[in-house]
């Protein structure tokens, strides 16, 4: 089970890397769509991670943890909706909405990593999984920072 989880984590990372690096290759409009896709995908992943909390086998699981799981899922929905709203520039520019979305994504991945370190027995007992989750969370953060750099790059 641990090997499958680690493999799936790395496959999930590959899409983050593609969506973060591809805007540097393509034109501006495709770049915006790719970063928007990164935000939507990241929001879906955060919502999925929040839902996983309900399946944890732990002595530490309390109703507060389950409410926090719902909070992570709602945060993921918010990230996805903020990214999707970048298509409609009613009040805010797409760059502003994508910036908010990427910053929320960074915060949510780091918060979930912290939460999982403190509350998941599986995380604490499986060194390979915990190393992979820590690495992936940090690499996704770097992907978001790379996308933010592209958004504010004066040459794009």
N, C-alpha and C. Protein backbone atom coordinates (compact mmCIF):
# COMPACT_ATOMS: atom_id res chain seq x y z
N UNK A 1 0.83 -1.20 0.00
CA UNK A 1 0.00 0.00 0.00
C UNK A 1 0.87 1.26 0.00
N UNK A 2 1.94 1.23 0.79
CA UNK A 2 2.82 2.39 0.88
C UNK A 2 3.45 2.70 -0.47
N UNK A 3 3.90 1.66 -1.19
CA UNK A 3 4.53 1.85 -2.50
C UNK A 3 3.55 2.46 -3.49
N UNK A 4 2.31 2.01 -3.47
CA UNK A 4 1.30 2.54 -4.38
C UNK A 4 1.04 4.01 -4.09
N UNK A 5 0.93 4.36 -2.82
CA UNK A 5 0.69 5.76 -2.46
C UNK A 5 1.84 6.64 -2.92
N UNK A 6 3.06 6.21 -2.72
CA UNK A 6 4.23 7.00 -3.10
C UNK A 6 4.29 7.15 -4.62
N UNK A 7 4.00 6.07 -5.35
CA UNK A 7 4.00 6.13 -6.81
C UNK A 7 2.95 7.12 -7.31
N UNK A 8 1.75 7.06 -6.75
CA UNK A 8 0.69 7.98 -7.16
C UNK A 8 1.02 9.43 -6.82
N UNK A 9 1.71 9.63 -5.71
CA UNK A 9 2.13 10.99 -5.34
C UNK A 9 3.05 11.56 -6.41
N UNK A 10 4.00 10.76 -6.86
CA UNK A 10 4.94 11.24 -7.88
C UNK A 10 4.27 11.46 -9.24
N UNK A 11 3.31 10.62 -9.59
CA UNK A 11 2.56 10.84 -10.83
C UNK A 11 1.76 12.14 -10.74
N UNK A 12 1.17 12.40 -9.60
CA UNK A 12 0.44 13.65 -9.41
C UNK A 12 1.35 14.87 -9.51
N UNK A 13 2.57 14.74 -9.03
CA UNK A 13 3.53 15.84 -9.12
C UNK A 13 3.87 16.17 -10.56
N UNK A 14 3.92 15.17 -11.42
CA UNK A 14 4.33 15.41 -12.81
C UNK A 14 3.42 16.43 -13.51
N UNK A 15 2.13 16.41 -13.22
CA UNK A 15 1.22 17.39 -13.82
C UNK A 15 1.48 18.78 -13.27
N UNK A 16 1.77 18.89 -11.97
CA UNK A 16 2.12 20.19 -11.40
C UNK A 16 3.35 20.77 -12.09
N UNK A 17 4.36 19.93 -12.29
CA UNK A 17 5.59 20.41 -12.93
C UNK A 17 5.32 20.86 -14.35
N UNK A 18 4.56 20.07 -15.10
CA UNK A 18 4.24 20.47 -16.47
C UNK A 18 3.48 21.79 -16.50
N UNK A 19 2.46 21.91 -15.66
CA UNK A 19 1.64 23.13 -15.67
C UNK A 19 2.41 24.35 -15.18
N UNK A 20 3.45 24.16 -14.39
CA UNK A 20 4.26 25.29 -13.91
C UNK A 20 5.33 25.70 -14.93
N UNK A 21 5.86 24.75 -15.66
CA UNK A 21 6.95 25.07 -16.59
C UNK A 21 6.48 25.40 -18.01
N UNK A 22 5.37 24.83 -18.44
CA UNK A 22 4.88 25.04 -19.80
C UNK A 22 4.58 26.51 -20.14
N UNK A 23 4.09 27.34 -19.21
CA UNK A 23 3.86 28.74 -19.59
C UNK A 23 5.12 29.47 -20.05
N UNK A 24 6.27 29.02 -19.59
CA UNK A 24 7.53 29.66 -19.99
C UNK A 24 7.85 29.34 -21.45
N UNK A 25 7.20 28.32 -22.01
CA UNK A 25 7.46 27.89 -23.39
C UNK A 25 6.43 28.46 -24.35
N UNK A 26 5.17 28.48 -23.94
CA UNK A 26 4.09 28.88 -24.82
C UNK A 26 3.80 30.37 -24.72
N UNK A 27 2.86 30.83 -25.53
CA UNK A 27 2.53 32.26 -25.52
C UNK A 27 1.70 32.63 -24.28
N UNK A 28 1.43 33.92 -24.15
CA UNK A 28 0.81 34.46 -22.94
C UNK A 28 -0.55 33.84 -22.66
N UNK A 29 -1.42 33.75 -23.66
CA UNK A 29 -2.78 33.27 -23.42
C UNK A 29 -2.80 31.80 -23.03
N UNK A 30 -1.97 31.00 -23.66
CA UNK A 30 -1.88 29.59 -23.26
C UNK A 30 -1.28 29.49 -21.86
N UNK A 31 -0.31 30.35 -21.55
CA UNK A 31 0.30 30.37 -20.23
C UNK A 31 -0.72 30.65 -19.13
N UNK A 32 -1.59 31.62 -19.38
CA UNK A 32 -2.64 31.94 -18.40
C UNK A 32 -3.56 30.73 -18.19
N UNK A 33 -3.92 30.07 -19.28
CA UNK A 33 -4.79 28.89 -19.18
C UNK A 33 -4.10 27.77 -18.40
N UNK A 34 -2.80 27.59 -18.65
CA UNK A 34 -2.06 26.54 -17.95
C UNK A 34 -1.94 26.84 -16.45
N UNK A 35 -1.70 28.09 -16.10
CA UNK A 35 -1.61 28.45 -14.68
C UNK A 35 -2.99 28.34 -14.03
N UNK A 36 -4.01 28.70 -14.76
CA UNK A 36 -5.37 28.54 -14.26
C UNK A 36 -5.64 27.05 -14.01
N UNK A 37 -5.21 26.20 -14.92
CA UNK A 37 -5.37 24.75 -14.76
C UNK A 37 -4.60 24.25 -13.54
N UNK A 38 -3.41 24.80 -13.31
CA UNK A 38 -2.62 24.42 -12.14
C UNK A 38 -3.39 24.74 -10.86
N UNK A 39 -4.01 25.92 -10.81
CA UNK A 39 -4.79 26.29 -9.63
C UNK A 39 -6.00 25.40 -9.43
N UNK A 40 -6.69 25.08 -10.50
CA UNK A 40 -7.86 24.21 -10.40
C UNK A 40 -7.45 22.81 -9.97
N UNK A 41 -6.40 22.28 -10.59
CA UNK A 41 -5.89 20.95 -10.24
C UNK A 41 -5.42 20.92 -8.78
N UNK A 42 -4.70 21.94 -8.38
CA UNK A 42 -4.23 22.01 -6.99
C UNK A 42 -5.38 22.06 -6.00
N UNK A 43 -6.42 22.82 -6.33
CA UNK A 43 -7.60 22.87 -5.47
C UNK A 43 -8.28 21.52 -5.34
N UNK A 44 -8.34 20.79 -6.46
CA UNK A 44 -8.94 19.45 -6.43
C UNK A 44 -8.10 18.52 -5.55
N UNK A 45 -6.78 18.62 -5.66
CA UNK A 45 -5.90 17.77 -4.85
C UNK A 45 -6.06 18.10 -3.37
N UNK A 46 -6.12 19.38 -3.01
CA UNK A 46 -6.31 19.76 -1.61
C UNK A 46 -7.65 19.23 -1.09
N UNK A 47 -8.70 19.35 -1.90
CA UNK A 47 -10.00 18.83 -1.48
C UNK A 47 -9.93 17.31 -1.29
N UNK A 48 -9.23 16.62 -2.18
CA UNK A 48 -9.05 15.18 -2.06
C UNK A 48 -8.28 14.83 -0.78
N UNK A 49 -7.20 15.56 -0.52
CA UNK A 49 -6.41 15.31 0.70
C UNK A 49 -7.26 15.54 1.94
N UNK A 50 -8.08 16.59 1.91
CA UNK A 50 -8.97 16.83 3.05
C UNK A 50 -9.95 15.69 3.25
N UNK A 51 -10.45 15.13 2.17
CA UNK A 51 -11.37 14.00 2.26
C UNK A 51 -10.70 12.74 2.78
N UNK A 52 -9.40 12.61 2.53
CA UNK A 52 -8.67 11.42 3.02
C UNK A 52 -8.66 11.35 4.53
N UNK A 53 -8.76 12.48 5.19
CA UNK A 53 -8.72 12.50 6.67
C UNK A 53 -9.82 11.62 7.25
N UNK A 54 -10.95 11.56 6.57
CA UNK A 54 -12.07 10.75 7.07
C UNK A 54 -11.71 9.27 7.11
N UNK A 55 -10.74 8.83 6.30
CA UNK A 55 -10.37 7.42 6.27
C UNK A 55 -9.17 7.07 7.13
N UNK A 56 -8.60 8.05 7.82
CA UNK A 56 -7.43 7.77 8.65
C UNK A 56 -7.82 6.89 9.83
N UNK A 57 -6.96 5.94 10.11
CA UNK A 57 -7.13 5.11 11.30
C UNK A 57 -6.19 5.65 12.35
N UNK A 58 -6.75 6.33 13.31
CA UNK A 58 -5.91 6.98 14.31
C UNK A 58 -6.66 7.11 15.61
N UNK A 59 -5.92 7.07 16.68
CA UNK A 59 -6.51 7.31 17.99
C UNK A 59 -6.76 8.79 18.20
N UNK A 60 -6.05 9.62 17.41
CA UNK A 60 -6.13 11.07 17.58
C UNK A 60 -7.29 11.70 16.81
N UNK A 61 -8.01 10.92 16.03
CA UNK A 61 -9.09 11.49 15.24
C UNK A 61 -10.21 11.95 16.16
N UNK A 62 -10.58 13.19 16.03
CA UNK A 62 -11.66 13.74 16.83
C UNK A 62 -12.62 14.47 15.89
N UNK A 63 -13.71 14.94 16.44
CA UNK A 63 -14.65 15.68 15.61
C UNK A 63 -14.02 16.97 15.11
N UNK A 64 -13.08 17.53 15.88
CA UNK A 64 -12.39 18.74 15.44
C UNK A 64 -11.56 18.44 14.19
N UNK A 65 -10.88 17.29 14.16
CA UNK A 65 -10.11 16.92 12.98
C UNK A 65 -11.01 16.75 11.76
N UNK A 66 -12.18 16.19 11.97
CA UNK A 66 -13.10 16.00 10.85
C UNK A 66 -13.64 17.34 10.35
N UNK A 67 -13.85 18.29 11.24
CA UNK A 67 -14.24 19.63 10.81
C UNK A 67 -13.11 20.29 10.04
N UNK A 68 -11.87 20.04 10.48
CA UNK A 68 -10.72 20.57 9.75
C UNK A 68 -10.62 19.93 8.37
N UNK A 69 -11.00 18.66 8.26
CA UNK A 69 -11.02 18.00 6.96
C UNK A 69 -11.99 18.70 6.02
N UNK A 70 -13.15 19.04 6.54
CA UNK A 70 -14.13 19.78 5.74
C UNK A 70 -13.56 21.14 5.36
N UNK A 71 -12.83 21.76 6.29
CA UNK A 71 -12.20 23.05 6.00
C UNK A 71 -11.20 22.95 4.86
N UNK A 72 -10.38 21.89 4.84
CA UNK A 72 -9.44 21.71 3.74
C UNK A 72 -10.17 21.49 2.42
N UNK A 73 -11.25 20.75 2.45
CA UNK A 73 -12.02 20.52 1.23
C UNK A 73 -12.63 21.82 0.72
N UNK A 74 -13.14 22.64 1.62
CA UNK A 74 -13.70 23.93 1.22
C UNK A 74 -12.60 24.87 0.73
N UNK A 75 -11.44 24.82 1.36
CA UNK A 75 -10.30 25.61 0.89
C UNK A 75 -9.91 25.20 -0.52
N UNK A 76 -9.89 23.90 -0.78
CA UNK A 76 -9.60 23.42 -2.13
C UNK A 76 -10.63 23.90 -3.13
N UNK A 77 -11.89 23.89 -2.74
CA UNK A 77 -12.95 24.41 -3.62
C UNK A 77 -12.73 25.89 -3.88
N UNK A 78 -12.37 26.63 -2.84
CA UNK A 78 -12.11 28.07 -3.00
C UNK A 78 -10.96 28.35 -3.95
N UNK A 79 -9.89 27.56 -3.84
CA UNK A 79 -8.74 27.72 -4.75
C UNK A 79 -9.18 27.45 -6.18
N UNK A 80 -9.92 26.38 -6.39
CA UNK A 80 -10.38 26.04 -7.74
C UNK A 80 -11.31 27.11 -8.30
N UNK A 81 -12.24 27.58 -7.49
CA UNK A 81 -13.17 28.61 -7.97
C UNK A 81 -12.47 29.94 -8.26
N UNK A 82 -11.49 30.28 -7.44
CA UNK A 82 -10.72 31.51 -7.68
C UNK A 82 -9.95 31.41 -8.98
N UNK A 83 -9.36 30.24 -9.23
CA UNK A 83 -8.65 30.04 -10.50
C UNK A 83 -9.61 30.08 -11.68
N UNK A 84 -10.76 29.45 -11.53
CA UNK A 84 -11.73 29.44 -12.61
C UNK A 84 -12.28 30.84 -12.87
N UNK A 85 -12.41 31.64 -11.83
CA UNK A 85 -12.93 33.00 -11.98
C UNK A 85 -11.98 33.89 -12.78
N UNK A 86 -10.73 33.48 -12.94
CA UNK A 86 -9.77 34.26 -13.72
C UNK A 86 -10.19 34.34 -15.19
N UNK A 87 -11.07 33.45 -15.62
CA UNK A 87 -11.58 33.51 -16.99
C UNK A 87 -12.53 34.68 -17.20
N UNK A 88 -13.13 35.13 -16.11
CA UNK A 88 -14.10 36.21 -16.18
C UNK A 88 -13.54 37.41 -15.43
N UNK A 89 -13.04 38.36 -16.15
CA UNK A 89 -12.42 39.52 -15.50
C UNK A 89 -13.44 40.63 -15.30
N UNK A 90 -14.41 40.36 -14.41
CA UNK A 90 -15.44 41.35 -14.11
C UNK A 90 -14.87 42.51 -13.30
N UNK A 91 -14.32 42.21 -12.15
CA UNK A 91 -13.84 43.25 -11.24
C UNK A 91 -12.32 43.21 -11.15
N UNK A 92 -11.78 42.01 -10.97
CA UNK A 92 -10.34 41.85 -10.79
C UNK A 92 -9.71 41.30 -12.06
N UNK A 93 -8.45 41.59 -12.26
CA UNK A 93 -7.75 41.08 -13.43
C UNK A 93 -7.46 39.59 -13.24
N UNK A 94 -7.29 38.87 -14.35
CA UNK A 94 -6.95 37.44 -14.22
C UNK A 94 -5.66 37.23 -13.44
N UNK A 95 -4.69 38.13 -13.60
CA UNK A 95 -3.44 37.99 -12.88
C UNK A 95 -3.66 38.08 -11.37
N UNK A 96 -4.51 39.00 -10.94
CA UNK A 96 -4.80 39.14 -9.51
C UNK A 96 -5.47 37.90 -8.95
N UNK A 97 -6.45 37.38 -9.67
CA UNK A 97 -7.15 36.19 -9.19
C UNK A 97 -6.23 34.97 -9.17
N UNK A 98 -5.38 34.83 -10.18
CA UNK A 98 -4.46 33.71 -10.20
C UNK A 98 -3.41 33.84 -9.09
N UNK A 99 -3.01 35.07 -8.80
CA UNK A 99 -2.07 35.29 -7.70
C UNK A 99 -2.68 34.85 -6.38
N UNK A 100 -3.91 35.27 -6.13
CA UNK A 100 -4.60 34.86 -4.90
C UNK A 100 -4.74 33.34 -4.85
N UNK A 101 -5.12 32.75 -5.97
CA UNK A 101 -5.29 31.31 -6.04
C UNK A 101 -3.99 30.57 -5.74
N UNK A 102 -2.90 31.02 -6.32
CA UNK A 102 -1.60 30.35 -6.11
C UNK A 102 -1.11 30.53 -4.67
N UNK A 103 -1.32 31.70 -4.11
CA UNK A 103 -0.90 31.92 -2.72
C UNK A 103 -1.74 31.05 -1.78
N UNK A 104 -3.05 30.98 -2.03
CA UNK A 104 -3.90 30.08 -1.22
C UNK A 104 -3.47 28.63 -1.38
N UNK A 105 -3.05 28.26 -2.58
CA UNK A 105 -2.61 26.89 -2.81
C UNK A 105 -1.33 26.58 -2.03
N UNK A 106 -0.40 27.52 -2.03
CA UNK A 106 0.83 27.34 -1.26
C UNK A 106 0.50 27.17 0.22
N UNK A 107 -0.32 28.06 0.73
CA UNK A 107 -0.69 28.00 2.15
C UNK A 107 -1.40 26.70 2.47
N UNK A 108 -2.34 26.28 1.62
CA UNK A 108 -3.11 25.08 1.92
C UNK A 108 -2.25 23.82 1.87
N UNK A 109 -1.32 23.72 0.91
CA UNK A 109 -0.45 22.54 0.88
C UNK A 109 0.45 22.48 2.11
N UNK A 110 0.99 23.62 2.51
CA UNK A 110 1.87 23.63 3.68
C UNK A 110 1.07 23.37 4.97
N UNK A 111 -0.14 23.93 5.06
CA UNK A 111 -0.98 23.66 6.23
C UNK A 111 -1.38 22.19 6.32
N UNK A 112 -1.72 21.61 5.15
CA UNK A 112 -2.10 20.20 5.18
C UNK A 112 -0.91 19.32 5.56
N UNK A 113 0.26 19.65 5.06
CA UNK A 113 1.45 18.88 5.43
C UNK A 113 1.67 18.94 6.95
N UNK A 114 1.54 20.13 7.52
CA UNK A 114 1.69 20.29 8.97
C UNK A 114 0.62 19.47 9.71
N UNK A 115 -0.61 19.56 9.24
CA UNK A 115 -1.72 18.84 9.86
C UNK A 115 -1.49 17.33 9.79
N UNK A 116 -1.04 16.86 8.62
CA UNK A 116 -0.81 15.43 8.46
C UNK A 116 0.34 14.94 9.34
N UNK A 117 1.39 15.74 9.46
CA UNK A 117 2.52 15.37 10.33
C UNK A 117 2.06 15.18 11.77
N UNK A 118 1.17 16.03 12.22
CA UNK A 118 0.73 15.99 13.62
C UNK A 118 -0.34 14.94 13.89
N UNK A 119 -1.16 14.60 12.90
CA UNK A 119 -2.35 13.81 13.17
C UNK A 119 -2.44 12.44 12.50
N UNK A 120 -1.59 12.16 11.52
CA UNK A 120 -1.71 10.90 10.78
C UNK A 120 -0.72 9.87 11.30
N UNK A 121 -1.26 8.75 11.78
CA UNK A 121 -0.38 7.66 12.20
C UNK A 121 0.39 7.09 11.02
N UNK A 122 -0.27 6.98 9.86
CA UNK A 122 0.39 6.45 8.67
C UNK A 122 1.59 7.31 8.30
N UNK A 123 1.44 8.62 8.37
CA UNK A 123 2.53 9.54 8.07
C UNK A 123 3.69 9.32 9.05
N UNK A 124 3.36 9.19 10.31
CA UNK A 124 4.37 9.06 11.35
C UNK A 124 5.08 7.70 11.33
N UNK A 125 4.38 6.66 10.88
CA UNK A 125 4.95 5.31 10.93
C UNK A 125 5.67 4.91 9.65
N UNK A 126 5.43 5.58 8.54
CA UNK A 126 6.01 5.20 7.25
C UNK A 126 6.96 6.28 6.76
N UNK A 127 8.23 6.04 6.98
CA UNK A 127 9.26 7.04 6.66
C UNK A 127 9.29 7.37 5.16
N UNK A 128 9.16 6.35 4.32
CA UNK A 128 9.22 6.60 2.87
C UNK A 128 8.06 7.48 2.43
N UNK A 129 6.87 7.18 2.94
CA UNK A 129 5.70 7.99 2.61
C UNK A 129 5.85 9.41 3.14
N UNK A 130 6.29 9.56 4.38
CA UNK A 130 6.40 10.90 4.97
C UNK A 130 7.46 11.73 4.23
N UNK A 131 8.56 11.10 3.83
CA UNK A 131 9.57 11.82 3.05
C UNK A 131 9.02 12.25 1.70
N UNK A 132 8.28 11.34 1.05
CA UNK A 132 7.69 11.66 -0.25
C UNK A 132 6.67 12.80 -0.13
N UNK A 133 5.80 12.73 0.87
CA UNK A 133 4.78 13.78 1.05
C UNK A 133 5.42 15.13 1.34
N UNK A 134 6.47 15.14 2.16
CA UNK A 134 7.15 16.40 2.47
C UNK A 134 7.81 16.97 1.21
N UNK A 135 8.50 16.11 0.47
CA UNK A 135 9.15 16.54 -0.77
C UNK A 135 8.14 17.06 -1.78
N UNK A 136 7.06 16.33 -1.96
CA UNK A 136 6.05 16.73 -2.96
C UNK A 136 5.39 18.04 -2.56
N UNK A 137 5.05 18.21 -1.30
CA UNK A 137 4.44 19.47 -0.86
C UNK A 137 5.37 20.65 -1.13
N UNK A 138 6.65 20.46 -0.87
CA UNK A 138 7.61 21.53 -1.12
C UNK A 138 7.82 21.76 -2.61
N UNK A 139 7.81 20.70 -3.41
CA UNK A 139 7.96 20.88 -4.86
C UNK A 139 6.72 21.55 -5.48
N UNK A 140 5.55 21.22 -4.97
CA UNK A 140 4.33 21.90 -5.45
C UNK A 140 4.40 23.38 -5.09
N UNK A 141 4.90 23.68 -3.91
CA UNK A 141 5.09 25.08 -3.52
C UNK A 141 6.04 25.78 -4.49
N UNK A 142 7.11 25.12 -4.86
CA UNK A 142 8.05 25.70 -5.83
C UNK A 142 7.37 25.88 -7.19
N UNK A 143 6.52 24.94 -7.59
CA UNK A 143 5.77 25.08 -8.85
C UNK A 143 4.88 26.32 -8.79
N UNK A 144 4.23 26.54 -7.67
CA UNK A 144 3.37 27.73 -7.52
C UNK A 144 4.21 29.01 -7.58
N UNK A 145 5.36 29.00 -6.94
CA UNK A 145 6.23 30.18 -6.96
C UNK A 145 6.73 30.42 -8.39
N UNK A 146 7.04 29.36 -9.11
CA UNK A 146 7.46 29.48 -10.52
C UNK A 146 6.34 30.10 -11.35
N UNK A 147 5.12 29.69 -11.09
CA UNK A 147 3.97 30.26 -11.81
C UNK A 147 3.77 31.72 -11.45
N UNK A 148 3.95 32.06 -10.18
CA UNK A 148 3.85 33.47 -9.77
C UNK A 148 4.94 34.30 -10.45
N UNK A 149 6.13 33.73 -10.56
CA UNK A 149 7.22 34.44 -11.25
C UNK A 149 6.86 34.69 -12.71
N UNK A 150 6.22 33.70 -13.35
CA UNK A 150 5.81 33.89 -14.75
C UNK A 150 4.74 34.99 -14.85
N UNK A 151 3.80 35.00 -13.92
CA UNK A 151 2.74 36.01 -13.96
C UNK A 151 3.29 37.42 -13.87
N UNK A 152 4.35 37.60 -13.10
CA UNK A 152 4.90 38.94 -12.89
C UNK A 152 6.21 39.17 -13.65
N UNK A 153 6.53 38.26 -14.55
CA UNK A 153 7.70 38.42 -15.40
C UNK A 153 7.42 39.54 -16.42
N UNK A 154 8.23 40.57 -16.45
CA UNK A 154 7.96 41.68 -17.38
C UNK A 154 8.13 41.30 -18.84
N UNK A 155 8.73 40.16 -19.12
CA UNK A 155 8.98 39.75 -20.50
C UNK A 155 7.95 38.79 -21.04
N UNK A 156 6.97 38.39 -20.22
CA UNK A 156 5.97 37.45 -20.73
C UNK A 156 4.76 38.16 -21.28
